[in-house]
């Protein structure tokens, strides 16, 4: 079997798996619409001397998704004395129209892009001291890698949390030069709490 055929077969099997998983966990019908802005965290859950430096804002018109993405918001956070590209964090939330779209986007688009080792100095891995896993999300992944941002003097640990909550995908990413893993866990708990509150999900 050629590499090209094997790759196509792998993608086909992945899509089939997404269909099965989506059938097991169908989207719930919401009687009240959810305001995307309610799902975005704020600076109150960050360490001291952090603040919002951009957003929440919708995407530019040219940003879209062939996977069925229909809404998107981004908010960026900066520590005091922030140097662009070194010490910031961001939270992105995407809403999809169909369960199949969000499942495929999670596995095919986000998992590959957010945890790509192409530009990292070390591979993405779960830190040994990390134990938190979302009790709310249907799908969740957290990992860190060493990167060398522009302007940085040496490697910086960068961590990413990817989660799917029904038709929503949340991505939180941060360079860890101005926060700890304990700070990161507190932020992810805050994201889970917002999702649980506004999507009527249980935290247990």
C-alpha atoms as a PDB file:
ATOM      1  CA  UNK A   1       0.000   0.000   0.000  1.00  0.00           C
ATOM      2  CA  UNK A   2       1.403   3.395  -0.962  1.00  0.00           C
ATOM      3  CA  UNK A   3       1.844   6.204   1.569  1.00  0.00           C
ATOM      4  CA  UNK A   4      -0.809   8.249  -0.265  1.00  0.00           C
ATOM      5  CA  UNK A   5      -3.342   5.420  -0.113  1.00  0.00           C
ATOM      6  CA  UNK A   6      -2.549   4.727   3.540  1.00  0.00           C
ATOM      7  CA  UNK A   7      -3.033   8.411   4.366  1.00  0.00           C
ATOM      8  CA  UNK A   8      -6.387   8.478   2.567  1.00  0.00           C
ATOM      9  CA  UNK A   9      -7.465   5.305   4.357  1.00  0.00           C
ATOM     10  CA  UNK A  10      -6.444   6.787   7.711  1.00  0.00           C
ATOM     11  CA  UNK A  11      -8.460   9.945   7.066  1.00  0.00           C
ATOM     12  CA  UNK A  12     -11.455   7.858   6.021  1.00  0.00           C
ATOM     13  CA  UNK A  13     -11.304   5.777   9.183  1.00  0.00           C
ATOM     14  CA  UNK A  14     -10.984   8.955  11.275  1.00  0.00           C
ATOM     15  CA  UNK A  15     -14.090  10.445   9.667  1.00  0.00           C
ATOM     16  CA  UNK A  16     -15.996   7.192  10.281  1.00  0.00           C
ATOM     17  CA  UNK A  17     -14.945   7.262  13.924  1.00  0.00           C
ATOM     18  CA  UNK A  18     -16.152  10.862  14.207  1.00  0.00           C
ATOM     19  CA  UNK A  19     -19.532   9.854  12.784  1.00  0.00           C
ATOM     20  CA  UNK A  20     -19.875   7.061  15.340  1.00  0.00           C
ATOM     21  CA  UNK A  21     -18.814   9.278  18.252  1.00  0.00           C
ATOM     22  CA  UNK A  22     -21.215  12.010  17.153  1.00  0.00           C
ATOM     23  CA  UNK A  23     -24.065   9.538  16.914  1.00  0.00           C
ATOM     24  CA  UNK A  24     -23.353   8.448  20.481  1.00  0.00           C
ATOM     25  CA  UNK A  25     -23.243  12.078  21.727  1.00  0.00           C
ATOM     26  CA  UNK A  26     -25.724  14.057  19.602  1.00  0.00           C
ATOM     27  CA  UNK A  27     -26.068  17.822  20.021  1.00  0.00           C
ATOM     28  CA  UNK A  28     -28.737  18.828  22.483  1.00  0.00           C
ATOM     29  CA  UNK A  29     -31.542  21.122  21.327  1.00  0.00           C
ATOM     30  CA  UNK A  30     -31.288  24.470  23.066  1.00  0.00           C
ATOM     31  CA  UNK A  31     -34.515  26.241  23.984  1.00  0.00           C
ATOM     32  CA  UNK A  32     -32.595  29.489  24.591  1.00  0.00           C
ATOM     33  CA  UNK A  33     -29.775  30.762  22.368  1.00  0.00           C
ATOM     34  CA  UNK A  34     -26.355  31.075  23.976  1.00  0.00           C
ATOM     35  CA  UNK A  35     -24.570  34.423  23.696  1.00  0.00           C
ATOM     36  CA  UNK A  36     -21.007  33.641  22.611  1.00  0.00           C
ATOM     37  CA  UNK A  37     -19.680  36.508  24.730  1.00  0.00           C
ATOM     38  CA  UNK A  38     -20.926  34.730  27.863  1.00  0.00           C
ATOM     39  CA  UNK A  39     -18.626  31.813  27.096  1.00  0.00           C
ATOM     40  CA  UNK A  40     -15.447  33.911  27.075  1.00  0.00           C
ATOM     41  CA  UNK A  41     -13.320  34.096  30.222  1.00  0.00           C
ATOM     42  CA  UNK A  42     -12.106  37.448  31.603  1.00  0.00           C
ATOM     43  CA  UNK A  43      -8.976  38.681  33.350  1.00  0.00           C
ATOM     44  CA  UNK A  44     -10.360  37.984  36.836  1.00  0.00           C
ATOM     45  CA  UNK A  45      -9.227  34.334  36.601  1.00  0.00           C
ATOM     46  CA  UNK A  46      -5.649  35.235  35.655  1.00  0.00           C
ATOM     47  CA  UNK A  47      -2.718  35.968  37.970  1.00  0.00           C
ATOM     48  CA  UNK A  48      -2.247  39.508  39.259  1.00  0.00           C
ATOM     49  CA  UNK A  49      -1.124  42.148  36.746  1.00  0.00           C
ATOM     50  CA  UNK A  50      -2.753  40.376  33.817  1.00  0.00           C
ATOM     51  CA  UNK A  51      -5.406  42.116  31.740  1.00  0.00           C
ATOM     52  CA  UNK A  52      -7.344  41.812  28.491  1.00  0.00           C
ATOM     53  CA  UNK A  53      -5.285  43.255  25.630  1.00  0.00           C
ATOM     54  CA  UNK A  54      -7.688  42.477  22.784  1.00  0.00           C
ATOM     55  CA  UNK A  55     -11.318  41.440  22.435  1.00  0.00           C
ATOM     56  CA  UNK A  56     -13.475  39.576  22.754  1.00  0.00           C
ATOM     57  CA  UNK A  57     -13.789  40.213  19.043  1.00  0.00           C
ATOM     58  CA  UNK A  58     -15.359  38.356  16.105  1.00  0.00           C
ATOM     59  CA  UNK A  59     -13.119  37.272  13.244  1.00  0.00           C
ATOM     60  CA  UNK A  60     -12.360  39.346  10.148  1.00  0.00           C
ATOM     61  CA  UNK A  61     -14.697  38.607   7.255  1.00  0.00           C
ATOM     62  CA  UNK A  62     -12.089  36.537   5.420  1.00  0.00           C
ATOM     63  CA  UNK A  63     -11.918  33.958   8.233  1.00  0.00           C
ATOM     64  CA  UNK A  64     -14.300  31.062   7.749  1.00  0.00           C
ATOM     65  CA  UNK A  65     -14.436  27.300   7.937  1.00  0.00           C
ATOM     66  CA  UNK A  66     -15.342  24.684   5.396  1.00  0.00           C
ATOM     67  CA  UNK A  67     -16.229  22.442   8.359  1.00  0.00           C
ATOM     68  CA  UNK A  68     -19.389  24.348   9.251  1.00  0.00           C
ATOM     69  CA  UNK A  69     -18.087  26.948  11.720  1.00  0.00           C
ATOM     70  CA  UNK A  70     -20.768  29.624  12.100  1.00  0.00           C
ATOM     71  CA  UNK A  71     -19.518  31.788  14.979  1.00  0.00           C
ATOM     72  CA  UNK A  72     -16.123  32.602  16.467  1.00  0.00           C
ATOM     73  CA  UNK A  73     -14.759  34.851  19.206  1.00  0.00           C
ATOM     74  CA  UNK A  74     -11.219  35.536  20.342  1.00  0.00           C
ATOM     75  CA  UNK A  75      -9.876  37.254  23.459  1.00  0.00           C
ATOM     76  CA  UNK A  76      -6.205  37.935  24.188  1.00  0.00           C
ATOM     77  CA  UNK A  77      -4.633  38.438  27.621  1.00  0.00           C
ATOM     78  CA  UNK A  78      -1.337  40.111  28.481  1.00  0.00           C
ATOM     79  CA  UNK A  79       0.769  40.358  31.642  1.00  0.00           C
ATOM     80  CA  UNK A  80       2.136  43.717  32.757  1.00  0.00           C
ATOM     81  CA  UNK A  81       5.147  44.606  30.614  1.00  0.00           C
ATOM     82  CA  UNK A  82       3.958  42.237  27.889  1.00  0.00           C
ATOM     83  CA  UNK A  83       6.346  41.766  24.983  1.00  0.00           C
ATOM     84  CA  UNK A  84       4.458  40.701  21.888  1.00  0.00           C
ATOM     85  CA  UNK A  85       4.733  36.960  21.251  1.00  0.00           C
ATOM     86  CA  UNK A  86       6.453  36.035  24.518  1.00  0.00           C
ATOM     87  CA  UNK A  87       4.144  36.216  27.511  1.00  0.00           C
ATOM     88  CA  UNK A  88       0.554  36.287  26.307  1.00  0.00           C
ATOM     89  CA  UNK A  89      -2.447  33.968  26.402  1.00  0.00           C
ATOM     90  CA  UNK A  90      -5.608  33.606  24.353  1.00  0.00           C
ATOM     91  CA  UNK A  91      -9.017  32.002  24.515  1.00  0.00           C
ATOM     92  CA  UNK A  92     -10.929  31.118  21.337  1.00  0.00           C
ATOM     93  CA  UNK A  93     -14.451  29.701  21.093  1.00  0.00           C
ATOM     94  CA  UNK A  94     -15.997  28.342  17.882  1.00  0.00           C
ATOM     95  CA  UNK A  95     -19.624  27.310  17.307  1.00  0.00           C
ATOM     96  CA  UNK A  96     -20.647  24.756  14.700  1.00  0.00           C
ATOM     97  CA  UNK A  97     -23.996  23.978  13.159  1.00  0.00           C
ATOM     98  CA  UNK A  98     -23.842  20.183  13.059  1.00  0.00           C
ATOM     99  CA  UNK A  99     -22.462  17.505  15.341  1.00  0.00           C
ATOM    100  CA  UNK A 100     -20.514  15.880  12.491  1.00  0.00           C
ATOM    101  CA  UNK A 101     -18.875  19.217  11.614  1.00  0.00           C
ATOM    102  CA  UNK A 102     -17.663  19.845  15.152  1.00  0.00           C
ATOM    103  CA  UNK A 103     -16.351  16.299  15.589  1.00  0.00           C
ATOM    104  CA  UNK A 104     -14.382  16.387  12.339  1.00  0.00           C
ATOM    105  CA  UNK A 105     -13.093  19.886  13.114  1.00  0.00           C
ATOM    106  CA  UNK A 106     -11.909  18.745  16.550  1.00  0.00           C
ATOM    107  CA  UNK A 107      -9.939  15.741  15.276  1.00  0.00           C
ATOM    108  CA  UNK A 108      -8.898  16.771  11.766  1.00  0.00           C
ATOM    109  CA  UNK A 109      -8.365  20.524  12.100  1.00  0.00           C
ATOM    110  CA  UNK A 110      -7.742  21.553  15.700  1.00  0.00           C
ATOM    111  CA  UNK A 111      -5.895  18.522  17.090  1.00  0.00           C
ATOM    112  CA  UNK A 112      -3.435  18.544  14.216  1.00  0.00           C
ATOM    113  CA  UNK A 113      -2.887  22.298  14.157  1.00  0.00           C
ATOM    114  CA  UNK A 114      -2.822  23.119  17.867  1.00  0.00           C
ATOM    115  CA  UNK A 115      -0.462  20.280  18.771  1.00  0.00           C
ATOM    116  CA  UNK A 116       1.753  20.314  15.701  1.00  0.00           C
ATOM    117  CA  UNK A 117       5.444  19.835  16.500  1.00  0.00           C
ATOM    118  CA  UNK A 118       6.515  21.590  13.311  1.00  0.00           C
ATOM    119  CA  UNK A 119       7.649  24.782  15.031  1.00  0.00           C
ATOM    120  CA  UNK A 120       8.445  23.485  18.510  1.00  0.00           C
ATOM    121  CA  UNK A 121      11.792  22.727  20.097  1.00  0.00           C
ATOM    122  CA  UNK A 122      10.363  19.717  21.956  1.00  0.00           C
ATOM    123  CA  UNK A 123       7.318  17.545  21.126  1.00  0.00           C
ATOM    124  CA  UNK A 124       3.961  18.323  22.747  1.00  0.00           C
ATOM    125  CA  UNK A 125       3.461  16.202  25.858  1.00  0.00           C
ATOM    126  CA  UNK A 126       1.388  16.197  29.033  1.00  0.00           C
ATOM    127  CA  UNK A 127       3.487  17.580  31.922  1.00  0.00           C
ATOM    128  CA  UNK A 128       4.262  14.941  34.536  1.00  0.00           C
ATOM    129  CA  UNK A 129       2.657  17.028  37.309  1.00  0.00           C
ATOM    130  CA  UNK A 130      -0.551  17.688  35.318  1.00  0.00           C
ATOM    131  CA  UNK A 131      -3.698  15.772  36.298  1.00  0.00           C
ATOM    132  CA  UNK A 132      -6.675  18.008  35.421  1.00  0.00           C
ATOM    133  CA  UNK A 133      -9.152  16.744  32.852  1.00  0.00           C
ATOM    134  CA  UNK A 134     -12.349  18.573  32.032  1.00  0.00           C
ATOM    135  CA  UNK A 135     -15.412  17.033  33.739  1.00  0.00           C
ATOM    136  CA  UNK A 136     -17.671  18.942  31.327  1.00  0.00           C
ATOM    137  CA  UNK A 137     -16.226  18.530  27.830  1.00  0.00           C
ATOM    138  CA  UNK A 138     -16.968  15.508  25.659  1.00  0.00           C
ATOM    139  CA  UNK A 139     -13.447  15.707  24.252  1.00  0.00           C
ATOM    140  CA  UNK A 140     -10.418  17.273  25.924  1.00  0.00           C
ATOM    141  CA  UNK A 141      -6.678  17.448  25.328  1.00  0.00           C
ATOM    142  CA  UNK A 142      -3.937  19.343  27.170  1.00  0.00           C
ATOM    143  CA  UNK A 143      -0.240  19.363  26.322  1.00  0.00           C
ATOM    144  CA  UNK A 144       2.836  21.585  26.424  1.00  0.00           C
ATOM    145  CA  UNK A 145       5.957  22.044  24.311  1.00  0.00           C
ATOM    146  CA  UNK A 146       9.002  24.264  24.363  1.00  0.00           C
ATOM    147  CA  UNK A 147       8.982  26.995  21.723  1.00  0.00           C
ATOM    148  CA  UNK A 148      11.273  29.919  20.911  1.00  0.00           C
ATOM    149  CA  UNK A 149       9.031  32.949  20.268  1.00  0.00           C
ATOM    150  CA  UNK A 150      10.335  35.905  18.324  1.00  0.00           C
ATOM    151  CA  UNK A 151      12.252  38.167  20.690  1.00  0.00           C
ATOM    152  CA  UNK A 152      12.619  35.559  23.415  1.00  0.00           C
ATOM    153  CA  UNK A 153      15.986  34.722  24.934  1.00  0.00           C
ATOM    154  CA  UNK A 154      15.812  30.949  24.777  1.00  0.00           C
ATOM    155  CA  UNK A 155      12.983  28.443  25.022  1.00  0.00           C
ATOM    156  CA  UNK A 156       9.577  29.176  26.570  1.00  0.00           C
ATOM    157  CA  UNK A 157       7.068  26.532  27.634  1.00  0.00           C
ATOM    158  CA  UNK A 158       3.820  26.882  25.691  1.00  0.00           C
ATOM    159  CA  UNK A 159       0.661  25.008  26.747  1.00  0.00           C
ATOM    160  CA  UNK A 160      -2.612  24.433  24.934  1.00  0.00           C
ATOM    161  CA  UNK A 161      -5.986  23.083  26.068  1.00  0.00           C
ATOM    162  CA  UNK A 162      -8.463  21.936  23.419  1.00  0.00           C
ATOM    163  CA  UNK A 163     -12.014  20.980  24.393  1.00  0.00           C
ATOM    164  CA  UNK A 164     -15.336  20.243  22.742  1.00  0.00           C
ATOM    165  CA  UNK A 165     -18.603  21.069  24.509  1.00  0.00           C
ATOM    166  CA  UNK A 166     -21.524  19.951  22.320  1.00  0.00           C
ATOM    167  CA  UNK A 167     -21.398  22.209  19.232  1.00  0.00           C
ATOM    168  CA  UNK A 168     -18.653  24.426  20.696  1.00  0.00           C
ATOM    169  CA  UNK A 169     -14.863  24.099  20.527  1.00  0.00           C
ATOM    170  CA  UNK A 170     -12.722  25.987  23.036  1.00  0.00           C
ATOM    171  CA  UNK A 171      -8.997  26.572  22.631  1.00  0.00           C
ATOM    172  CA  UNK A 172      -6.889  28.094  25.397  1.00  0.00           C
ATOM    173  CA  UNK A 173      -3.213  28.696  24.785  1.00  0.00           C
ATOM    174  CA  UNK A 174      -0.532  30.407  26.861  1.00  0.00           C
ATOM    175  CA  UNK A 175       3.183  30.943  27.003  1.00  0.00           C
ATOM    176  CA  UNK A 176       4.124  29.994  30.535  1.00  0.00           C
ATOM    177  CA  UNK A 177       6.778  32.637  31.168  1.00  0.00           C
ATOM    178  CA  UNK A 178       4.300  34.644  33.281  1.00  0.00           C
ATOM    179  CA  UNK A 179       2.074  31.932  34.782  1.00  0.00           C
ATOM    180  CA  UNK A 180       2.285  28.498  36.365  1.00  0.00           C
ATOM    181  CA  UNK A 181       0.509  25.223  35.658  1.00  0.00           C
ATOM    182  CA  UNK A 182      -1.588  25.909  38.784  1.00  0.00           C
ATOM    183  CA  UNK A 183      -2.674  29.216  37.201  1.00  0.00           C
ATOM    184  CA  UNK A 184      -3.493  27.382  33.992  1.00  0.00           C
ATOM    185  CA  UNK A 185      -5.614  24.798  35.799  1.00  0.00           C
ATOM    186  CA  UNK A 186      -7.576  27.563  37.538  1.00  0.00           C
ATOM    187  CA  UNK A 187      -8.260  29.185  34.145  1.00  0.00           C
ATOM    188  CA  UNK A 188      -9.419  25.889  32.613  1.00  0.00           C
ATOM    189  CA  UNK A 189     -11.747  25.306  35.575  1.00  0.00           C
ATOM    190  CA  UNK A 190     -13.205  28.775  34.914  1.00  0.00           C
ATOM    191  CA  UNK A 191     -13.787  27.856  31.258  1.00  0.00           C
ATOM    192  CA  UNK A 192     -15.514  24.631  32.333  1.00  0.00           C
ATOM    193  CA  UNK A 193     -17.678  26.542  34.816  1.00  0.00           C
ATOM    194  CA  UNK A 194     -18.831  28.971  32.135  1.00  0.00           C
ATOM    195  CA  UNK A 195     -19.601  26.168  29.707  1.00  0.00           C
ATOM    196  CA  UNK A 196     -21.475  24.240  32.389  1.00  0.00           C
ATOM    197  CA  UNK A 197     -23.513  27.308  33.346  1.00  0.00           C
ATOM    198  CA  UNK A 198     -24.492  28.538  29.896  1.00  0.00           C
ATOM    199  CA  UNK A 199     -24.805  25.153  28.164  1.00  0.00           C
ATOM    200  CA  UNK A 200     -26.674  23.596  31.114  1.00  0.00           C
ATOM    201  CA  UNK A 201     -24.097  20.877  31.717  1.00  0.00           C
ATOM    202  CA  UNK A 202     -23.033  19.139  34.939  1.00  0.00           C
ATOM    203  CA  UNK A 203     -19.597  19.801  36.445  1.00  0.00           C
ATOM    204  CA  UNK A 204     -19.404  16.300  37.923  1.00  0.00           C
END
